[in-house]
Amino acid sequence: MVSQNKKGKGGAGAREEKSASARPSSRPRGNFWLHLKKPIFAVAPMSDVTDEPFRMIIAKYSRMGKAGGGPDVMWTEFISADGLCSIGKERLMHILKFTEKERPIVAQIFSANPAKIKEACEIIESLGFDGIDINMGCPDKSVEKQGAGAGLIKTPALAREIIRSAKAGVKNIPISVKTRIGYNKPEVEEWLSVILEEGVSALTVHARTRKELSDFPAQWSFVKKAVELRDKISPDTIILGNGDVKSLKEANERAKETGADGVMIGRGLFGTPWFFDSKVTEEPGPEKRLKIMLEHAKLFEKILSKDKPFDVMKKHFKAYVNGWEGARELRIKLMECDSSKDLEKVVEDYSLKDTCILKTKE
């Protein structure tokens, strides 16, 4: 899919979009990580979640780029390097669309083929991204079957080759890696040393093993060990911790207690696009939540209706609609919606009944 730059006035819907047809930004290139204030807060890459509409909503309601706002850096959904280098790449290009308001933005790729990694990095840099991240932690079986994602934890020599190929594929943007603390058991020193020895610009450590998935609490003590290892091997590498962070306050605490340069937030962003705004001291009430949810859905439909089914939005409904009496009943009706128009009608009917009053968390 090829789209042209569009300019609009105000709101999350105002888009100056970059895609396969866009020229690189006039923004100074180089290692943007060196210019970020610490602690650094990042939006995690999540498949069918961290798409352009989601990032735009976060940028707007967390006041990205403004004093007291955030995040400091955004990630895209991950994209297959092999797919990006294939004749069918146009079907994937929607993953690499972004707006200037989302900068700095990092594209995440996965593959077990060094040649494809290099080629994909060349393509991504030409699109104007600020950085490229290599996924070495995804536990999805279809990804691991290729030897990519978390599968690379078991093949450190290939992981090194992948990183070197990524570096060879870029001219002036940084390469980073996101991974886990081990495969079946914590192997922080053995595994993370491999990545750090390659001198990546940043390393995000998901504080769980591949075996643990997200079924067990994140072990942040291993993030602290990663920081200590970094100090010995690659002092200039930025370390971000990741796992189970549910508030900006907790993110600050995790960074302080581990010595990490920052924190990456994933599931904690569901239904909370204001997460990074330090000026938000109370959770917004039902009326504002429903307003933002509807705005999000319309934006999703406007940008991605040709690439993704509306059902992808439904995972967000439960997150937006919870915490007040009657929320469950409303969610049931929302799950039956097939478009933003359906959604708007359900929300309007609900509001007219004057039941939208926050009482008690379900």
Protein backbone atom coordinates (compact mmCIF):
# COMPACT_ATOMS: atom_id res chain seq x y z
CA MET A 1 0.00 0.00 0.00
CA VAL A 2 1.33 3.40 -1.00
CA SER A 3 0.00 6.58 0.55
CA GLN A 4 0.85 10.24 0.15
CA ASN A 5 1.68 12.70 2.91
CA LYS A 6 -1.47 14.29 4.32
CA LYS A 7 -1.77 17.40 6.42
CA GLY A 8 -4.68 18.27 8.64
CA LYS A 9 -5.54 20.47 11.57
CA GLY A 10 -5.25 19.32 15.16
CA GLY A 11 -6.24 16.11 16.92
CA ALA A 12 -4.92 12.58 16.62
CA GLY A 13 -6.41 12.40 13.16
CA ALA A 14 -4.11 15.11 11.76
CA ARG A 15 -1.63 13.07 9.77
CA GLU A 16 1.68 13.81 8.06
CA GLU A 17 2.18 10.22 7.12
CA LYS A 18 5.33 8.42 6.07
CA SER A 19 5.18 5.18 4.11
CA ALA A 20 6.93 3.35 1.30
CA SER A 21 6.50 6.34 -0.99
CA ALA A 22 7.65 8.96 1.50
CA ARG A 23 11.00 10.69 1.45
CA PRO A 24 13.20 10.46 4.53
CA SER A 25 12.51 13.16 7.10
CA SER A 26 14.67 16.28 7.28
CA ARG A 27 15.06 15.43 10.98
CA PRO A 28 18.78 15.05 11.87
CA ARG A 29 19.84 11.40 11.60
CA GLY A 30 22.11 9.55 13.98
CA ASN A 31 21.84 7.82 17.33
CA PHE A 32 18.75 9.45 18.80
CA TRP A 33 19.20 7.44 22.02
CA LEU A 34 22.03 9.77 22.99
CA HIS A 35 19.65 12.73 23.15
CA LEU A 36 16.90 11.26 25.33
CA LYS A 37 16.53 12.30 28.95
CA LYS A 38 16.49 9.51 31.52
CA PRO A 39 14.59 7.59 32.59
CA ILE A 40 13.46 6.77 29.06
CA PHE A 41 9.93 5.48 28.61
CA ALA A 42 9.02 3.46 25.52
CA VAL A 43 5.94 1.95 23.88
CA ALA A 44 6.48 -1.79 23.40
CA PRO A 45 6.02 -3.53 20.06
CA MET A 46 2.85 -5.65 20.22
CA SER A 47 1.37 -7.45 17.23
CA ASP A 48 -2.06 -6.13 16.22
CA VAL A 49 -1.83 -3.57 19.02
CA THR A 50 0.99 -1.10 18.45
CA ASP A 51 -0.34 -0.01 15.07
CA GLU A 52 -0.44 3.55 13.80
CA PRO A 53 -3.86 4.50 15.27
CA PHE A 54 -2.84 3.17 18.69
CA ARG A 55 0.40 5.15 18.62
CA MET A 56 -1.38 8.30 17.45
CA ILE A 57 -3.89 8.09 20.30
CA ILE A 58 -1.06 7.65 22.82
CA ALA A 59 0.91 10.55 21.33
CA LYS A 60 -2.15 12.78 21.67
CA TYR A 61 -3.38 11.83 25.15
CA SER A 62 0.05 11.37 26.72
CA ARG A 63 1.18 14.69 25.20
CA MET A 64 4.23 13.18 23.50
CA GLY A 65 7.02 15.70 22.99
CA LYS A 66 5.68 18.16 25.54
CA ALA A 67 6.86 18.92 29.08
CA GLY A 68 5.66 16.24 31.46
CA GLY A 69 4.40 14.12 28.57
CA GLY A 70 5.61 11.06 26.73
CA PRO A 71 6.56 8.49 25.67
CA ASP A 72 10.17 9.17 24.73
CA VAL A 73 10.20 6.61 21.92
CA MET A 74 7.64 4.51 20.02
CA TRP A 75 7.96 1.02 18.54
CA THR A 76 6.00 -0.34 15.58
CA GLU A 77 4.47 -3.81 15.49
CA PHE A 78 7.10 -6.29 14.43
CA ILE A 79 7.48 -7.04 10.73
CA SER A 80 9.04 -10.01 8.98
CA ALA A 81 12.30 -9.07 7.27
CA ASP A 82 11.75 -11.96 4.86
CA GLY A 83 8.27 -10.67 4.03
CA LEU A 84 9.51 -7.11 3.60
CA CYS A 85 12.01 -8.34 1.03
CA SER A 86 9.48 -10.45 -0.89
CA ILE A 87 7.25 -9.69 -3.87
CA GLY A 88 4.29 -9.59 -1.50
CA LYS A 89 5.74 -6.84 0.70
CA GLU A 90 2.94 -4.37 -0.14
CA ARG A 91 0.63 -6.36 2.13
CA LEU A 92 2.91 -5.52 5.06
CA MET A 93 3.64 -1.88 4.36
CA HIS A 94 0.80 -0.62 6.59
CA ILE A 95 2.94 -1.75 9.55
CA LEU A 96 5.57 0.80 8.55
CA LYS A 97 3.28 3.83 8.27
CA PHE A 98 3.78 6.53 10.86
CA THR A 99 3.31 10.24 11.48
CA GLU A 100 5.83 12.86 12.52
CA LYS A 101 4.07 13.17 15.88
CA GLU A 102 5.19 9.64 16.75
CA ARG A 103 8.92 10.39 16.60
CA PRO A 104 11.33 9.09 17.59
CA ILE A 105 10.02 5.83 16.16
CA VAL A 106 11.71 2.44 15.89
CA ALA A 107 10.71 -0.30 13.44
CA GLN A 108 11.03 -3.83 14.81
CA ILE A 109 11.98 -6.70 12.52
CA PHE A 110 12.42 -10.45 12.89
CA SER A 111 14.19 -13.10 10.81
CA ALA A 112 16.82 -15.82 11.04
CA ASN A 113 18.26 -14.87 7.66
CA PRO A 114 21.16 -12.39 7.92
CA ALA A 115 20.90 -11.40 4.25
CA LYS A 116 17.21 -10.57 4.59
CA ILE A 117 17.90 -8.63 7.77
CA LYS A 118 20.44 -6.48 5.95
CA GLU A 119 18.10 -5.85 3.02
CA ALA A 120 15.16 -5.06 5.31
CA CYS A 121 17.26 -2.58 7.28
CA GLU A 122 18.19 -0.78 4.07
CA ILE A 123 14.50 -0.47 3.18
CA ILE A 124 13.46 0.70 6.64
CA GLU A 125 16.16 3.34 6.89
CA SER A 126 15.06 4.72 3.50
CA LEU A 127 11.56 5.22 4.93
CA GLY A 128 12.86 7.67 7.53
CA PHE A 129 12.69 5.64 10.73
CA ASP A 130 14.80 6.77 13.67
CA GLY A 131 16.01 3.29 14.58
CA ILE A 132 15.63 -0.44 13.95
CA ASP A 133 15.09 -3.09 16.61
CA ILE A 134 15.66 -6.82 16.20
CA ASN A 135 13.15 -9.12 17.89
CA MET A 136 14.99 -11.89 19.74
CA GLY A 137 12.29 -12.68 22.28
CA CYS A 138 8.98 -13.47 20.58
CA PRO A 139 7.69 -16.89 21.73
CA ASP A 140 5.21 -17.29 18.85
CA LYS A 141 5.65 -20.78 17.43
CA SER A 142 5.41 -19.63 13.81
CA VAL A 143 8.25 -17.17 14.44
CA GLU A 144 10.39 -19.62 16.38
CA LYS A 145 9.88 -22.26 13.70
CA GLN A 146 11.88 -19.99 11.40
CA GLY A 147 14.66 -19.79 13.97
CA ALA A 148 13.75 -16.17 14.70
CA GLY A 149 12.40 -14.39 17.80
CA ALA A 150 13.14 -16.30 20.99
CA GLY A 151 14.61 -19.07 18.86
CA LEU A 152 17.76 -16.98 18.52
CA ILE A 153 18.44 -17.39 22.24
CA LYS A 154 19.35 -20.99 21.37
CA THR A 155 21.62 -19.97 18.48
CA PRO A 156 23.91 -17.20 19.80
CA ALA A 157 26.30 -17.42 16.86
CA LEU A 158 23.43 -16.70 14.46
CA ALA A 159 22.22 -13.91 16.74
CA ARG A 160 25.63 -12.25 16.40
CA GLU A 161 25.48 -12.59 12.63
CA ILE A 162 21.98 -11.10 12.57
CA ILE A 163 23.12 -8.03 14.55
CA ARG A 164 26.16 -7.53 12.32
CA SER A 165 24.03 -7.80 9.19
CA ALA A 166 21.58 -5.23 10.57
CA LYS A 167 24.43 -2.81 11.24
CA ALA A 168 25.76 -3.38 7.74
CA GLY A 169 22.35 -2.51 6.34
CA VAL A 170 22.13 0.99 7.82
CA LYS A 171 24.16 4.13 7.31
CA ASN A 172 23.12 6.47 10.07
CA ILE A 173 20.49 5.05 12.44
CA PRO A 174 20.97 2.88 15.55
CA ILE A 175 20.35 -0.86 15.88
CA SER A 176 18.81 -2.24 19.08
CA VAL A 177 17.59 -5.63 20.33
CA LYS A 178 14.63 -6.74 22.44
CA THR A 179 14.95 -10.13 24.10
CA ARG A 180 14.26 -12.20 27.22
CA ILE A 181 16.46 -13.27 30.13
CA GLY A 182 16.81 -16.80 28.76
CA TYR A 183 14.97 -19.64 27.07
CA ASN A 184 14.02 -22.34 29.57
CA LYS A 185 15.86 -20.74 32.46
CA PRO A 186 17.57 -17.40 33.22
CA GLU A 187 20.83 -17.15 31.26
CA VAL A 188 21.54 -13.47 31.68
CA GLU A 189 25.32 -13.56 31.60
CA GLU A 190 25.63 -16.21 28.88
CA TRP A 191 22.95 -14.81 26.56
CA LEU A 192 22.97 -11.05 27.07
CA SER A 193 26.77 -10.94 26.84
CA VAL A 194 26.45 -12.08 23.23
CA ILE A 195 24.27 -9.09 22.38
CA LEU A 196 26.25 -6.57 24.39
CA GLU A 197 29.52 -7.66 22.83
CA GLU A 198 28.09 -6.62 19.47
CA GLY A 199 27.73 -3.06 20.75
CA VAL A 200 24.03 -2.48 20.06
CA SER A 201 22.78 1.04 20.81
CA ALA A 202 20.01 -0.21 23.09
CA LEU A 203 18.91 -3.49 24.65
CA THR A 204 15.42 -4.10 26.01
CA VAL A 205 15.27 -6.91 28.55
CA HIS A 206 11.91 -8.58 29.07
CA ALA A 207 12.32 -9.91 32.59
CA ARG A 208 10.98 -13.39 31.86
CA THR A 209 12.27 -16.49 30.09
CA ARG A 210 10.71 -17.73 26.88
CA LYS A 211 9.26 -20.70 28.80
CA GLU A 212 7.49 -18.37 31.24
CA LEU A 213 5.76 -16.43 28.42
CA SER A 214 3.70 -13.86 30.35
CA ASP A 215 2.26 -16.39 32.79
CA PHE A 216 4.66 -15.60 35.63
CA PRO A 217 5.65 -12.32 37.31
CA ALA A 218 8.48 -10.42 35.67
CA GLN A 219 11.80 -10.86 37.54
CA TRP A 220 13.24 -7.36 37.62
CA SER A 221 16.29 -8.47 39.59
CA PHE A 222 17.59 -9.81 36.28
CA VAL A 223 17.26 -6.38 34.70
CA LYS A 224 19.60 -5.11 37.40
CA LYS A 225 22.04 -7.91 36.49
CA ALA A 226 21.76 -6.90 32.85
CA VAL A 227 22.73 -3.34 33.81
CA GLU A 228 25.76 -4.60 35.73
CA LEU A 229 26.76 -6.73 32.74
CA ARG A 230 26.33 -3.76 30.42
CA ASP A 231 28.63 -1.65 32.58
CA LYS A 232 31.39 -4.22 32.11
CA ILE A 233 30.93 -5.03 28.43
CA SER A 234 29.29 -2.13 26.60
CA PRO A 235 28.93 0.98 28.80
CA ASP A 236 27.33 3.05 26.03
CA THR A 237 24.44 0.62 25.46
CA ILE A 238 21.06 1.84 26.74
CA ILE A 239 19.23 -0.73 28.90
CA LEU A 240 15.44 -0.76 29.09
CA GLY A 241 13.55 -3.09 31.40
CA ASN A 242 10.19 -4.58 30.47
CA GLY A 243 7.48 -6.54 32.23
CA ASP A 244 4.35 -5.98 34.35
CA VAL A 245 4.65 -2.20 34.75
CA LYS A 246 1.18 -0.80 35.36
CA SER A 247 1.79 2.90 36.05
CA LEU A 248 4.20 5.72 35.34
CA LYS A 249 5.05 5.81 39.05
CA GLU A 250 6.00 2.14 38.97
CA ALA A 251 8.04 2.69 35.81
CA ASN A 252 10.08 5.36 37.58
CA GLU A 253 10.56 3.08 40.58
CA ARG A 254 11.71 0.15 38.43
CA ALA A 255 14.25 2.32 36.63
CA LYS A 256 15.60 3.63 39.92
CA GLU A 257 15.85 0.26 41.69
CA THR A 258 17.54 -1.53 38.79
CA GLY A 259 19.72 1.27 37.44
CA ALA A 260 18.15 0.77 34.01
CA ASP A 261 18.16 3.74 31.65
CA GLY A 262 14.45 3.35 31.14
CA VAL A 263 11.38 1.16 30.96
CA MET A 264 9.34 -0.23 28.09
CA ILE A 265 5.58 -0.50 28.65
CA GLY A 266 3.40 -3.09 26.94
CA ARG A 267 0.11 -4.38 28.32
CA GLY A 268 -0.07 -1.52 30.81
CA LEU A 269 -1.02 0.75 27.89
CA PHE A 270 -4.25 -1.05 27.10
CA GLY A 271 -7.09 1.40 27.64
CA THR A 272 -4.75 4.01 29.15
CA PRO A 273 -3.41 6.23 26.33
CA TRP A 274 -2.72 8.94 28.93
CA PHE A 275 -0.23 6.59 30.68
CA PHE A 276 2.86 8.73 30.02
CA ASP A 277 1.33 12.09 30.97
CA SER A 278 2.74 12.91 34.40
CA LYS A 279 0.10 15.60 34.84
CA VAL A 280 -2.71 13.03 34.89
CA THR A 281 -3.19 12.32 38.59
CA GLU A 282 -6.58 10.59 38.43
CA GLU A 283 -7.95 7.98 36.06
CA PRO A 284 -10.38 9.58 33.58
CA GLY A 285 -14.03 8.76 34.16
CA PRO A 286 -16.36 6.72 31.94
CA GLU A 287 -17.43 9.63 29.76
CA LYS A 288 -13.88 10.45 28.67
CA ARG A 289 -12.93 6.79 28.33
CA LEU A 290 -15.81 6.18 25.94
CA LYS A 291 -14.96 9.33 23.97
CA ILE A 292 -11.34 8.21 23.51
CA MET A 293 -12.37 4.64 22.67
CA LEU A 294 -14.69 5.93 19.93
CA GLU A 295 -11.99 8.25 18.60
CA HIS A 296 -9.55 5.33 18.55
CA ALA A 297 -12.01 3.12 16.68
CA LYS A 298 -12.73 5.77 14.05
CA LEU A 299 -9.03 6.36 13.55
CA PHE A 300 -8.45 2.61 13.19
CA GLU A 301 -11.18 2.37 10.57
CA LYS A 302 -9.91 5.41 8.69
CA ILE A 303 -6.31 4.22 8.50
CA LEU A 304 -6.44 0.42 8.53
CA SER A 305 -9.85 -0.68 7.22
CA LYS A 306 -8.21 -2.02 4.03
CA ASP A 307 -5.54 -3.91 5.96
CA LYS A 308 -7.14 -5.22 9.14
CA PRO A 309 -10.64 -6.35 10.21
CA PHE A 310 -12.52 -4.21 12.72
CA ASP A 311 -12.43 -7.16 15.14
CA VAL A 312 -8.78 -6.27 15.87
CA MET A 313 -10.10 -3.20 17.73
CA LYS A 314 -12.24 -5.28 20.06
CA LYS A 315 -9.33 -6.25 22.30
CA HIS A 316 -9.26 -2.60 23.36
CA PHE A 317 -12.94 -2.44 24.37
CA LYS A 318 -12.48 -4.42 27.59
CA ALA A 319 -9.57 -2.17 28.57
CA TYR A 320 -11.42 1.08 27.91
CA VAL A 321 -14.72 -0.10 29.41
CA ASN A 322 -14.16 -1.28 32.95
CA GLY A 323 -14.25 0.05 36.48
CA TRP A 324 -17.85 1.19 36.81
CA GLU A 325 -21.29 -0.30 37.35
CA GLY A 326 -22.78 -1.46 34.08
CA ALA A 327 -19.44 -1.72 32.28
CA ARG A 328 -19.75 -5.46 31.71
CA GLU A 329 -23.14 -5.14 30.05
CA LEU A 330 -21.82 -2.38 27.81
CA ARG A 331 -18.81 -4.47 26.81
CA ILE A 332 -21.06 -7.31 25.71
CA LYS A 333 -22.89 -4.95 23.35
CA LEU A 334 -19.64 -3.43 22.08
CA MET A 335 -18.32 -6.86 21.13
CA GLU A 336 -21.21 -7.21 18.69
CA CYS A 337 -20.17 -4.08 16.76
CA ASP A 338 -18.75 -4.45 13.27
CA SER A 339 -17.88 -0.81 12.60
CA SER A 340 -17.24 2.52 14.29
CA LYS A 341 -20.80 3.54 13.36
CA ASP A 342 -22.17 0.55 15.27
CA LEU A 343 -19.90 1.47 18.16
CA GLU A 344 -21.02 5.08 18.16
CA LYS A 345 -24.70 4.05 18.24
CA VAL A 346 -24.15 1.73 21.22
CA VAL A 347 -22.21 4.42 23.11
CA GLU A 348 -24.88 7.05 22.36
CA ASP A 349 -27.68 4.78 23.56
CA TYR A 350 -25.72 3.97 26.69
CA SER A 351 -25.03 7.64 27.45
CA LEU A 352 -28.69 8.56 26.98
CA LYS A 353 -29.62 6.11 29.71
CA ASP A 354 -27.45 8.17 32.07
CA THR A 355 -25.76 5.07 33.47
CA CYS A 356 -22.25 6.26 32.78
CA ILE A 357 -21.31 6.93 36.41
CA LEU A 358 -18.13 5.54 37.96
CA LYS A 359 -19.05 3.65 41.13
CA THR A 360 -16.99 0.61 41.85
CA LYS A 361 -14.40 -1.42 40.02
CA GLU A 362 -15.69 -4.72 38.69
